[in-house]
């Protein structure tokens, strides 16, 4: 007779908690879609704030990558430069408390 028959196993696999962005209960307006135009022009501050107003809580690097992709840089070095510029603008907005960080990875408009 084995021990498994006498005692029920208590071990359960660990389930990692998942963080989902909180959806904002409002409809998109055409004025909210300006973030793509701002990003294409290289106006990073306006594009960051407009993008976060539309999407709500989002991953920090997800915002950066989306805005840089909308600017459509031609070379890889231009992509890196644009990403550093957007990151610098976002860090300044965080220091000014116009953007709030959640658990180091998520950002949202204050």
Protein backbone atom coordinates (compact mmCIF):
# COMPACT_ATOMS: atom_id res chain seq x y z
CA UNK A 1 0.00 0.00 0.00
CA UNK A 2 1.47 3.38 -0.94
CA UNK A 3 1.38 6.58 1.03
CA UNK A 4 -0.53 8.37 -1.75
CA UNK A 5 -3.54 6.25 -1.02
CA UNK A 6 -3.63 7.23 2.64
CA UNK A 7 -2.95 10.96 2.38
CA UNK A 8 -4.25 13.42 -0.16
CA UNK A 9 -1.49 15.51 -1.75
CA UNK A 10 -1.54 19.16 -0.66
CA UNK A 11 0.96 20.57 -3.16
CA UNK A 12 -0.46 22.89 -5.82
CA UNK A 13 1.51 24.64 -8.55
CA UNK A 14 2.19 28.32 -7.93
CA UNK A 15 0.07 30.64 -10.06
CA UNK A 16 1.81 33.92 -10.82
CA UNK A 17 -0.40 36.96 -10.20
CA UNK A 18 -1.18 38.87 -13.38
CA UNK A 19 -1.52 42.62 -13.56
CA UNK A 20 -3.96 43.90 -16.12
CA UNK A 21 -4.26 47.56 -17.08
CA UNK A 22 -7.39 49.18 -15.73
CA UNK A 23 -9.70 50.15 -18.59
CA UNK A 24 -11.03 53.67 -18.59
CA UNK A 25 -14.81 53.73 -18.98
CA UNK A 26 -15.04 56.37 -21.70
CA UNK A 27 -15.43 56.44 -25.46
CA UNK A 28 -12.60 57.37 -27.80
CA UNK A 29 -12.92 60.71 -29.47
CA UNK A 30 -11.14 61.96 -32.56
CA UNK A 31 -9.29 64.51 -30.43
CA UNK A 32 -7.79 61.61 -28.45
CA UNK A 33 -6.21 60.13 -31.56
CA UNK A 34 -3.84 63.09 -31.94
CA UNK A 35 -1.00 61.22 -30.21
CA UNK A 36 -0.04 59.60 -33.52
CA UNK A 37 0.23 62.99 -35.21
CA UNK A 38 2.32 64.38 -32.34
CA UNK A 39 4.64 61.36 -32.44
CA UNK A 40 5.07 61.62 -36.21
CA UNK A 41 6.15 65.25 -35.76
CA UNK A 42 8.52 64.40 -32.90
CA UNK A 43 6.50 66.31 -30.30
CA UNK A 44 7.15 63.72 -27.60
CA UNK A 45 5.65 65.43 -24.55
CA UNK A 46 2.28 65.99 -26.17
CA UNK A 47 2.26 62.52 -27.70
CA UNK A 48 3.05 60.80 -24.37
CA UNK A 49 0.27 62.61 -22.51
CA UNK A 50 -2.26 62.14 -25.33
CA UNK A 51 -1.40 58.42 -25.66
CA UNK A 52 -1.79 57.81 -21.93
CA UNK A 53 -5.10 59.71 -21.91
CA UNK A 54 -6.38 57.31 -24.56
CA UNK A 55 -5.01 54.02 -23.26
CA UNK A 56 -4.86 54.46 -19.49
CA UNK A 57 -2.38 52.42 -17.44
CA UNK A 58 0.22 51.00 -19.82
CA UNK A 59 3.68 49.45 -19.70
CA UNK A 60 6.44 52.09 -19.75
CA UNK A 61 8.38 50.56 -22.64
CA UNK A 62 5.16 49.77 -24.48
CA UNK A 63 4.44 53.50 -24.64
CA UNK A 64 7.99 54.30 -25.77
CA UNK A 65 8.03 51.63 -28.47
CA UNK A 66 4.59 52.59 -29.79
CA UNK A 67 5.46 56.30 -30.05
CA UNK A 68 8.83 55.65 -31.69
CA UNK A 69 7.22 53.27 -34.18
CA UNK A 70 4.70 55.96 -35.10
CA UNK A 71 7.56 58.39 -35.83
CA UNK A 72 8.80 55.87 -38.46
CA UNK A 73 12.56 56.29 -38.17
CA UNK A 74 14.52 55.17 -41.24
CA UNK A 75 17.55 53.59 -39.54
CA UNK A 76 18.16 51.64 -36.39
CA UNK A 77 20.30 54.41 -34.92
CA UNK A 78 17.47 56.90 -35.41
CA UNK A 79 15.18 54.46 -33.58
CA UNK A 80 17.57 54.32 -30.62
CA UNK A 81 17.94 58.11 -30.51
CA UNK A 82 14.18 58.60 -30.62
CA UNK A 83 13.65 55.99 -27.87
CA UNK A 84 16.16 57.78 -25.64
CA UNK A 85 14.43 61.10 -26.29
CA UNK A 86 11.01 59.67 -25.42
CA UNK A 87 12.41 58.01 -22.29
CA UNK A 88 13.97 61.32 -21.23
CA UNK A 89 10.69 63.15 -21.75
CA UNK A 90 8.80 60.49 -19.79
CA UNK A 91 11.26 60.64 -16.87
CA UNK A 92 10.90 64.43 -16.78
CA UNK A 93 7.10 64.12 -16.78
CA UNK A 94 7.35 61.60 -13.94
CA UNK A 95 9.55 63.99 -11.93
CA UNK A 96 7.04 66.78 -12.59
CA UNK A 97 4.29 64.36 -11.47
CA UNK A 98 2.27 64.71 -14.64
CA UNK A 99 2.73 60.96 -15.12
CA UNK A 100 2.52 58.40 -12.31
CA UNK A 101 4.50 55.15 -12.18
CA UNK A 102 2.96 51.96 -10.82
CA UNK A 103 5.35 49.22 -9.69
CA UNK A 104 8.21 50.53 -11.87
CA UNK A 105 6.80 49.07 -15.09
CA UNK A 106 3.41 50.75 -15.52
CA UNK A 107 2.66 54.43 -16.18
CA UNK A 108 -0.56 56.44 -16.18
CA UNK A 109 -1.61 60.08 -16.41
CA UNK A 110 -1.89 61.74 -13.01
